[in-house]
Amino acid sequence: MLKHELRKEDGILIVRPEGPLSADDFEFIATDVDAHIEAHGKLNGLMIHARRFPGWEDLWAVMSHLKFVREHHRKIRRVAVVSDSAILQFAPKIATHFVSAELRQFPFKAKDEALAWLGAAG
């Protein structure tokens, strides 16, 4: 399950994985994100705020996740990974080779610092 909050006033999407990710999670988020991008042309930032990475429910969820990234990465200026999880700390190093957004990792307790960094993108 992937909870999300789209802060329309500053164009920041915050996602919080709270269980294995499903294909429906990405389709649901895409509805909100696509409407915002259509109205504003972009998202200033995406924050992934998670103590740990919960994995995916199945292969279809992995494919939906990759599709979401492929279709949106050029329309997001910055991505903040806010986590102490080893896998999520490592993810930005790999993702920089595949996405256009500027990526940065923050400790889990540094949510406010990450939000400030994302907000500076606008």
N, C-alpha and C. Protein backbone atom coordinates (compact mmCIF):
# COMPACT_ATOMS: atom_id res chain seq x y z
N MET A 1 0.84 -1.18 0.00
CA MET A 1 0.00 0.00 0.00
C MET A 1 0.88 1.24 0.00
N LEU A 2 0.52 2.19 -0.83
CA LEU A 2 1.29 3.42 -1.01
C LEU A 2 0.37 4.61 -0.73
N LYS A 3 0.57 5.24 0.41
CA LYS A 3 -0.19 6.45 0.75
C LYS A 3 0.48 7.62 0.05
N HIS A 4 -0.33 8.61 -0.33
CA HIS A 4 0.27 9.78 -0.96
C HIS A 4 -0.49 11.05 -0.61
N GLU A 5 0.25 12.16 -0.71
CA GLU A 5 -0.30 13.49 -0.49
C GLU A 5 0.28 14.38 -1.57
N LEU A 6 -0.59 15.02 -2.35
CA LEU A 6 -0.14 15.97 -3.37
C LEU A 6 -0.36 17.37 -2.83
N ARG A 7 0.74 18.03 -2.53
CA ARG A 7 0.69 19.40 -2.00
C ARG A 7 0.61 20.34 -3.20
N LYS A 8 -0.59 20.71 -3.57
CA LYS A 8 -0.80 21.50 -4.78
C LYS A 8 -0.18 22.89 -4.70
N GLU A 9 -0.14 23.45 -3.49
CA GLU A 9 0.39 24.82 -3.35
C GLU A 9 1.87 24.93 -3.71
N ASP A 10 2.63 23.87 -3.50
CA ASP A 10 4.05 23.93 -3.86
C ASP A 10 4.47 22.85 -4.86
N GLY A 11 3.50 22.09 -5.36
CA GLY A 11 3.78 21.10 -6.40
C GLY A 11 4.68 19.96 -5.94
N ILE A 12 4.46 19.49 -4.71
CA ILE A 12 5.26 18.40 -4.16
C ILE A 12 4.36 17.21 -3.85
N LEU A 13 4.77 16.06 -4.33
CA LEU A 13 4.08 14.80 -4.05
C LEU A 13 4.86 14.05 -2.98
N ILE A 14 4.18 13.67 -1.91
CA ILE A 14 4.81 12.89 -0.84
C ILE A 14 4.19 11.50 -0.88
N VAL A 15 5.02 10.48 -0.98
CA VAL A 15 4.53 9.10 -0.96
C VAL A 15 5.13 8.38 0.24
N ARG A 16 4.29 7.53 0.87
CA ARG A 16 4.70 6.78 2.05
C ARG A 16 4.31 5.32 1.86
N PRO A 17 5.27 4.47 1.53
CA PRO A 17 4.96 3.04 1.42
C PRO A 17 4.64 2.48 2.81
N GLU A 18 3.49 1.80 2.92
CA GLU A 18 3.08 1.24 4.21
C GLU A 18 2.82 -0.26 4.11
N GLY A 19 3.22 -0.84 3.03
CA GLY A 19 3.05 -2.26 2.79
C GLY A 19 3.48 -2.54 1.37
N PRO A 20 3.47 -3.78 0.95
CA PRO A 20 3.89 -4.09 -0.42
C PRO A 20 3.12 -3.24 -1.45
N LEU A 21 3.86 -2.73 -2.41
CA LEU A 21 3.28 -1.85 -3.42
C LEU A 21 2.48 -2.66 -4.43
N SER A 22 1.36 -2.10 -4.87
CA SER A 22 0.50 -2.78 -5.84
C SER A 22 0.42 -1.96 -7.13
N ALA A 23 -0.01 -2.60 -8.19
CA ALA A 23 -0.22 -1.90 -9.45
C ALA A 23 -1.26 -0.80 -9.28
N ASP A 24 -2.29 -1.06 -8.50
CA ASP A 24 -3.34 -0.05 -8.26
C ASP A 24 -2.78 1.20 -7.59
N ASP A 25 -1.78 1.04 -6.73
CA ASP A 25 -1.17 2.20 -6.08
C ASP A 25 -0.67 3.19 -7.11
N PHE A 26 0.02 2.72 -8.13
CA PHE A 26 0.62 3.60 -9.12
C PHE A 26 -0.44 4.19 -10.05
N GLU A 27 -1.46 3.44 -10.35
CA GLU A 27 -2.55 3.97 -11.19
C GLU A 27 -3.31 5.06 -10.45
N PHE A 28 -3.53 4.87 -9.15
CA PHE A 28 -4.24 5.85 -8.33
C PHE A 28 -3.43 7.14 -8.22
N ILE A 29 -2.15 7.02 -7.95
CA ILE A 29 -1.29 8.20 -7.83
C ILE A 29 -1.19 8.93 -9.17
N ALA A 30 -1.08 8.17 -10.25
CA ALA A 30 -0.95 8.78 -11.59
C ALA A 30 -2.14 9.68 -11.90
N THR A 31 -3.32 9.33 -11.44
CA THR A 31 -4.51 10.15 -11.67
C THR A 31 -4.32 11.55 -11.10
N ASP A 32 -3.88 11.64 -9.84
CA ASP A 32 -3.64 12.94 -9.21
C ASP A 32 -2.47 13.67 -9.86
N VAL A 33 -1.38 12.95 -10.09
CA VAL A 33 -0.17 13.57 -10.64
C VAL A 33 -0.42 14.09 -12.05
N ASP A 34 -1.08 13.30 -12.87
CA ASP A 34 -1.33 13.71 -14.25
C ASP A 34 -2.20 14.96 -14.31
N ALA A 35 -3.19 15.06 -13.45
CA ALA A 35 -4.04 16.26 -13.41
C ALA A 35 -3.22 17.49 -13.01
N HIS A 36 -2.33 17.32 -12.03
CA HIS A 36 -1.48 18.45 -11.60
C HIS A 36 -0.52 18.84 -12.71
N ILE A 37 0.10 17.89 -13.35
CA ILE A 37 1.05 18.19 -14.43
C ILE A 37 0.33 18.85 -15.60
N GLU A 38 -0.86 18.40 -15.91
CA GLU A 38 -1.62 19.03 -17.00
C GLU A 38 -1.90 20.50 -16.69
N ALA A 39 -2.20 20.81 -15.43
CA ALA A 39 -2.51 22.18 -15.04
C ALA A 39 -1.26 23.05 -14.87
N HIS A 40 -0.14 22.45 -14.42
CA HIS A 40 1.04 23.24 -14.07
C HIS A 40 2.29 22.90 -14.86
N GLY A 41 2.24 21.85 -15.67
CA GLY A 41 3.37 21.49 -16.51
C GLY A 41 4.42 20.60 -15.87
N LYS A 42 4.40 20.48 -14.52
CA LYS A 42 5.43 19.70 -13.83
C LYS A 42 5.06 19.53 -12.37
N LEU A 43 5.86 18.71 -11.70
CA LEU A 43 5.88 18.65 -10.23
C LEU A 43 7.23 19.22 -9.81
N ASN A 44 7.24 20.05 -8.79
CA ASN A 44 8.53 20.55 -8.29
C ASN A 44 9.31 19.44 -7.61
N GLY A 45 8.59 18.53 -6.96
CA GLY A 45 9.32 17.49 -6.26
C GLY A 45 8.48 16.29 -5.88
N LEU A 46 9.20 15.23 -5.61
CA LEU A 46 8.62 13.97 -5.13
C LEU A 46 9.42 13.56 -3.91
N MET A 47 8.74 13.32 -2.81
CA MET A 47 9.40 12.81 -1.61
C MET A 47 8.94 11.38 -1.37
N ILE A 48 9.90 10.49 -1.24
CA ILE A 48 9.63 9.11 -0.83
C ILE A 48 10.03 9.03 0.63
N HIS A 49 9.05 8.91 1.51
CA HIS A 49 9.30 8.93 2.96
C HIS A 49 8.98 7.56 3.52
N ALA A 50 10.01 6.80 3.87
CA ALA A 50 9.79 5.41 4.29
C ALA A 50 10.89 4.95 5.24
N ARG A 51 10.48 4.29 6.29
CA ARG A 51 11.48 3.68 7.19
C ARG A 51 12.20 2.54 6.48
N ARG A 52 11.43 1.78 5.65
CA ARG A 52 12.01 0.66 4.93
C ARG A 52 11.27 0.50 3.61
N PHE A 53 11.86 -0.22 2.70
CA PHE A 53 11.20 -0.51 1.43
C PHE A 53 10.42 -1.80 1.58
N PRO A 54 9.08 -1.77 1.39
CA PRO A 54 8.26 -2.95 1.63
C PRO A 54 8.19 -3.94 0.47
N GLY A 55 8.77 -3.60 -0.67
CA GLY A 55 8.70 -4.49 -1.83
C GLY A 55 7.40 -4.30 -2.60
N TRP A 56 7.16 -5.21 -3.53
CA TRP A 56 5.98 -5.15 -4.39
C TRP A 56 5.12 -6.39 -4.15
N GLU A 57 3.84 -6.28 -4.42
CA GLU A 57 2.93 -7.42 -4.28
C GLU A 57 3.24 -8.52 -5.29
N ASP A 58 3.57 -8.11 -6.52
CA ASP A 58 3.78 -9.08 -7.59
C ASP A 58 4.50 -8.41 -8.75
N LEU A 59 4.74 -9.16 -9.81
CA LEU A 59 5.44 -8.64 -10.98
C LEU A 59 4.66 -7.50 -11.65
N TRP A 60 3.35 -7.59 -11.66
CA TRP A 60 2.53 -6.53 -12.25
C TRP A 60 2.76 -5.20 -11.52
N ALA A 61 2.94 -5.24 -10.22
CA ALA A 61 3.22 -4.03 -9.44
C ALA A 61 4.57 -3.45 -9.83
N VAL A 62 5.57 -4.30 -10.02
CA VAL A 62 6.90 -3.84 -10.45
C VAL A 62 6.77 -3.15 -11.81
N MET A 63 6.05 -3.76 -12.72
CA MET A 63 5.87 -3.19 -14.06
C MET A 63 5.13 -1.85 -14.00
N SER A 64 4.11 -1.75 -13.16
CA SER A 64 3.38 -0.49 -13.00
C SER A 64 4.27 0.59 -12.43
N HIS A 65 5.14 0.22 -11.50
CA HIS A 65 6.08 1.17 -10.91
C HIS A 65 7.03 1.70 -11.99
N LEU A 66 7.60 0.79 -12.77
CA LEU A 66 8.51 1.21 -13.84
C LEU A 66 7.81 2.08 -14.89
N LYS A 67 6.56 1.75 -15.20
CA LYS A 67 5.78 2.55 -16.15
C LYS A 67 5.56 3.95 -15.60
N PHE A 68 5.22 4.05 -14.32
CA PHE A 68 5.01 5.36 -13.69
C PHE A 68 6.29 6.19 -13.79
N VAL A 69 7.43 5.60 -13.47
CA VAL A 69 8.70 6.31 -13.55
C VAL A 69 8.97 6.76 -14.98
N ARG A 70 8.81 5.86 -15.93
CA ARG A 70 9.07 6.17 -17.34
C ARG A 70 8.21 7.34 -17.82
N GLU A 71 6.95 7.36 -17.43
CA GLU A 71 6.03 8.37 -17.92
C GLU A 71 6.11 9.71 -17.19
N HIS A 72 6.76 9.75 -16.03
CA HIS A 72 6.73 10.96 -15.23
C HIS A 72 8.10 11.57 -14.90
N HIS A 73 9.18 10.84 -15.06
CA HIS A 73 10.46 11.33 -14.55
C HIS A 73 10.92 12.63 -15.19
N ARG A 74 10.53 12.92 -16.40
CA ARG A 74 10.93 14.16 -17.06
C ARG A 74 10.10 15.36 -16.60
N LYS A 75 9.05 15.10 -15.85
CA LYS A 75 8.15 16.15 -15.40
C LYS A 75 8.24 16.39 -13.89
N ILE A 76 9.27 15.84 -13.28
CA ILE A 76 9.52 16.03 -11.85
C ILE A 76 10.92 16.60 -11.72
N ARG A 77 11.05 17.76 -11.07
CA ARG A 77 12.36 18.42 -10.98
C ARG A 77 13.31 17.74 -10.00
N ARG A 78 12.80 17.39 -8.82
CA ARG A 78 13.67 16.82 -7.79
C ARG A 78 12.96 15.66 -7.09
N VAL A 79 13.77 14.69 -6.66
CA VAL A 79 13.26 13.56 -5.89
C VAL A 79 14.10 13.45 -4.62
N ALA A 80 13.42 13.45 -3.47
CA ALA A 80 14.08 13.28 -2.17
C ALA A 80 13.68 11.92 -1.62
N VAL A 81 14.67 11.09 -1.35
CA VAL A 81 14.44 9.80 -0.71
C VAL A 81 14.77 10.01 0.76
N VAL A 82 13.74 9.94 1.60
CA VAL A 82 13.88 10.23 3.03
C VAL A 82 13.71 8.92 3.78
N SER A 83 14.86 8.29 4.08
CA SER A 83 14.82 6.95 4.65
C SER A 83 16.18 6.59 5.24
N ASP A 84 16.15 5.71 6.23
CA ASP A 84 17.37 5.13 6.76
C ASP A 84 17.58 3.72 6.23
N SER A 85 16.67 3.25 5.39
CA SER A 85 16.76 1.92 4.79
C SER A 85 17.95 1.85 3.83
N ALA A 86 18.75 0.83 3.97
CA ALA A 86 19.94 0.69 3.12
C ALA A 86 19.56 0.66 1.64
N ILE A 87 18.53 -0.08 1.29
CA ILE A 87 18.15 -0.18 -0.13
C ILE A 87 17.65 1.16 -0.66
N LEU A 88 16.90 1.91 0.15
CA LEU A 88 16.40 3.20 -0.31
C LEU A 88 17.50 4.26 -0.31
N GLN A 89 18.49 4.12 0.54
CA GLN A 89 19.63 5.04 0.51
C GLN A 89 20.45 4.83 -0.76
N PHE A 90 20.52 3.61 -1.22
CA PHE A 90 21.30 3.26 -2.41
C PHE A 90 20.56 3.59 -3.70
N ALA A 91 19.24 3.59 -3.66
CA ALA A 91 18.41 3.77 -4.86
C ALA A 91 18.74 5.03 -5.67
N PRO A 92 18.94 6.20 -5.04
CA PRO A 92 19.24 7.39 -5.85
C PRO A 92 20.53 7.25 -6.67
N LYS A 93 21.51 6.52 -6.15
CA LYS A 93 22.75 6.34 -6.89
C LYS A 93 22.52 5.59 -8.20
N ILE A 94 21.62 4.62 -8.17
CA ILE A 94 21.28 3.85 -9.36
C ILE A 94 20.35 4.67 -10.27
N ALA A 95 19.35 5.29 -9.67
CA ALA A 95 18.31 5.99 -10.44
C ALA A 95 18.86 7.17 -11.24
N THR A 96 19.93 7.79 -10.79
CA THR A 96 20.47 8.93 -11.53
C THR A 96 20.84 8.57 -12.96
N HIS A 97 21.06 7.30 -13.22
CA HIS A 97 21.39 6.85 -14.58
C HIS A 97 20.16 6.71 -15.48
N PHE A 98 18.97 6.76 -14.88
CA PHE A 98 17.74 6.47 -15.63
C PHE A 98 16.71 7.57 -15.62
N VAL A 99 16.84 8.56 -14.75
CA VAL A 99 15.82 9.60 -14.64
C VAL A 99 16.42 10.98 -14.82
N SER A 100 15.60 11.92 -15.22
CA SER A 100 16.03 13.29 -15.44
C SER A 100 16.06 14.12 -14.16
N ALA A 101 15.27 13.75 -13.19
CA ALA A 101 15.16 14.52 -11.95
C ALA A 101 16.48 14.51 -11.18
N GLU A 102 16.69 15.60 -10.43
CA GLU A 102 17.81 15.65 -9.49
C GLU A 102 17.40 14.83 -8.27
N LEU A 103 18.28 13.95 -7.80
CA LEU A 103 17.96 13.06 -6.69
C LEU A 103 18.87 13.33 -5.50
N ARG A 104 18.28 13.17 -4.30
CA ARG A 104 19.06 13.34 -3.08
C ARG A 104 18.48 12.47 -1.98
N GLN A 105 19.34 11.90 -1.17
CA GLN A 105 18.92 11.06 -0.05
C GLN A 105 19.06 11.85 1.25
N PHE A 106 18.06 11.69 2.13
CA PHE A 106 18.04 12.33 3.44
C PHE A 106 17.77 11.27 4.50
N PRO A 107 18.27 11.46 5.73
CA PRO A 107 17.90 10.55 6.82
C PRO A 107 16.39 10.63 7.08
N PHE A 108 15.82 9.56 7.62
CA PHE A 108 14.38 9.48 7.83
C PHE A 108 13.83 10.66 8.65
N LYS A 109 14.58 11.11 9.62
CA LYS A 109 14.11 12.20 10.49
C LYS A 109 14.27 13.58 9.86
N ALA A 110 14.82 13.67 8.67
CA ALA A 110 15.08 14.96 8.01
C ALA A 110 14.00 15.33 7.00
N LYS A 111 12.77 15.00 7.30
CA LYS A 111 11.66 15.29 6.38
C LYS A 111 11.55 16.79 6.08
N ASP A 112 11.66 17.63 7.10
CA ASP A 112 11.53 19.08 6.89
C ASP A 112 12.65 19.61 5.99
N GLU A 113 13.86 19.12 6.21
CA GLU A 113 14.99 19.52 5.37
C GLU A 113 14.75 19.10 3.91
N ALA A 114 14.24 17.90 3.73
CA ALA A 114 13.94 17.41 2.38
C ALA A 114 12.85 18.25 1.72
N LEU A 115 11.82 18.59 2.47
CA LEU A 115 10.75 19.44 1.92
C LEU A 115 11.29 20.80 1.51
N ALA A 116 12.17 21.37 2.32
CA ALA A 116 12.77 22.66 1.97
C ALA A 116 13.58 22.55 0.67
N TRP A 117 14.34 21.47 0.53
CA TRP A 117 15.12 21.25 -0.69
C TRP A 117 14.20 21.10 -1.90
N LEU A 118 13.13 20.32 -1.74
CA LEU A 118 12.19 20.14 -2.84
C LEU A 118 11.51 21.45 -3.20
N GLY A 119 11.13 22.23 -2.20
CA GLY A 119 10.46 23.51 -2.43
C GLY A 119 11.36 24.52 -3.13
N ALA A 120 12.67 24.41 -2.92
CA ALA A 120 13.61 25.32 -3.59
C ALA A 120 13.67 25.07 -5.08
N ALA A 121 13.14 23.95 -5.53
CA ALA A 121 13.14 23.62 -6.97
C ALA A 121 12.22 24.53 -7.74
N GLY A 122 11.21 25.09 -7.09
CA GLY A 122 10.24 25.93 -7.78
C GLY A 122 10.76 27.32 -7.97
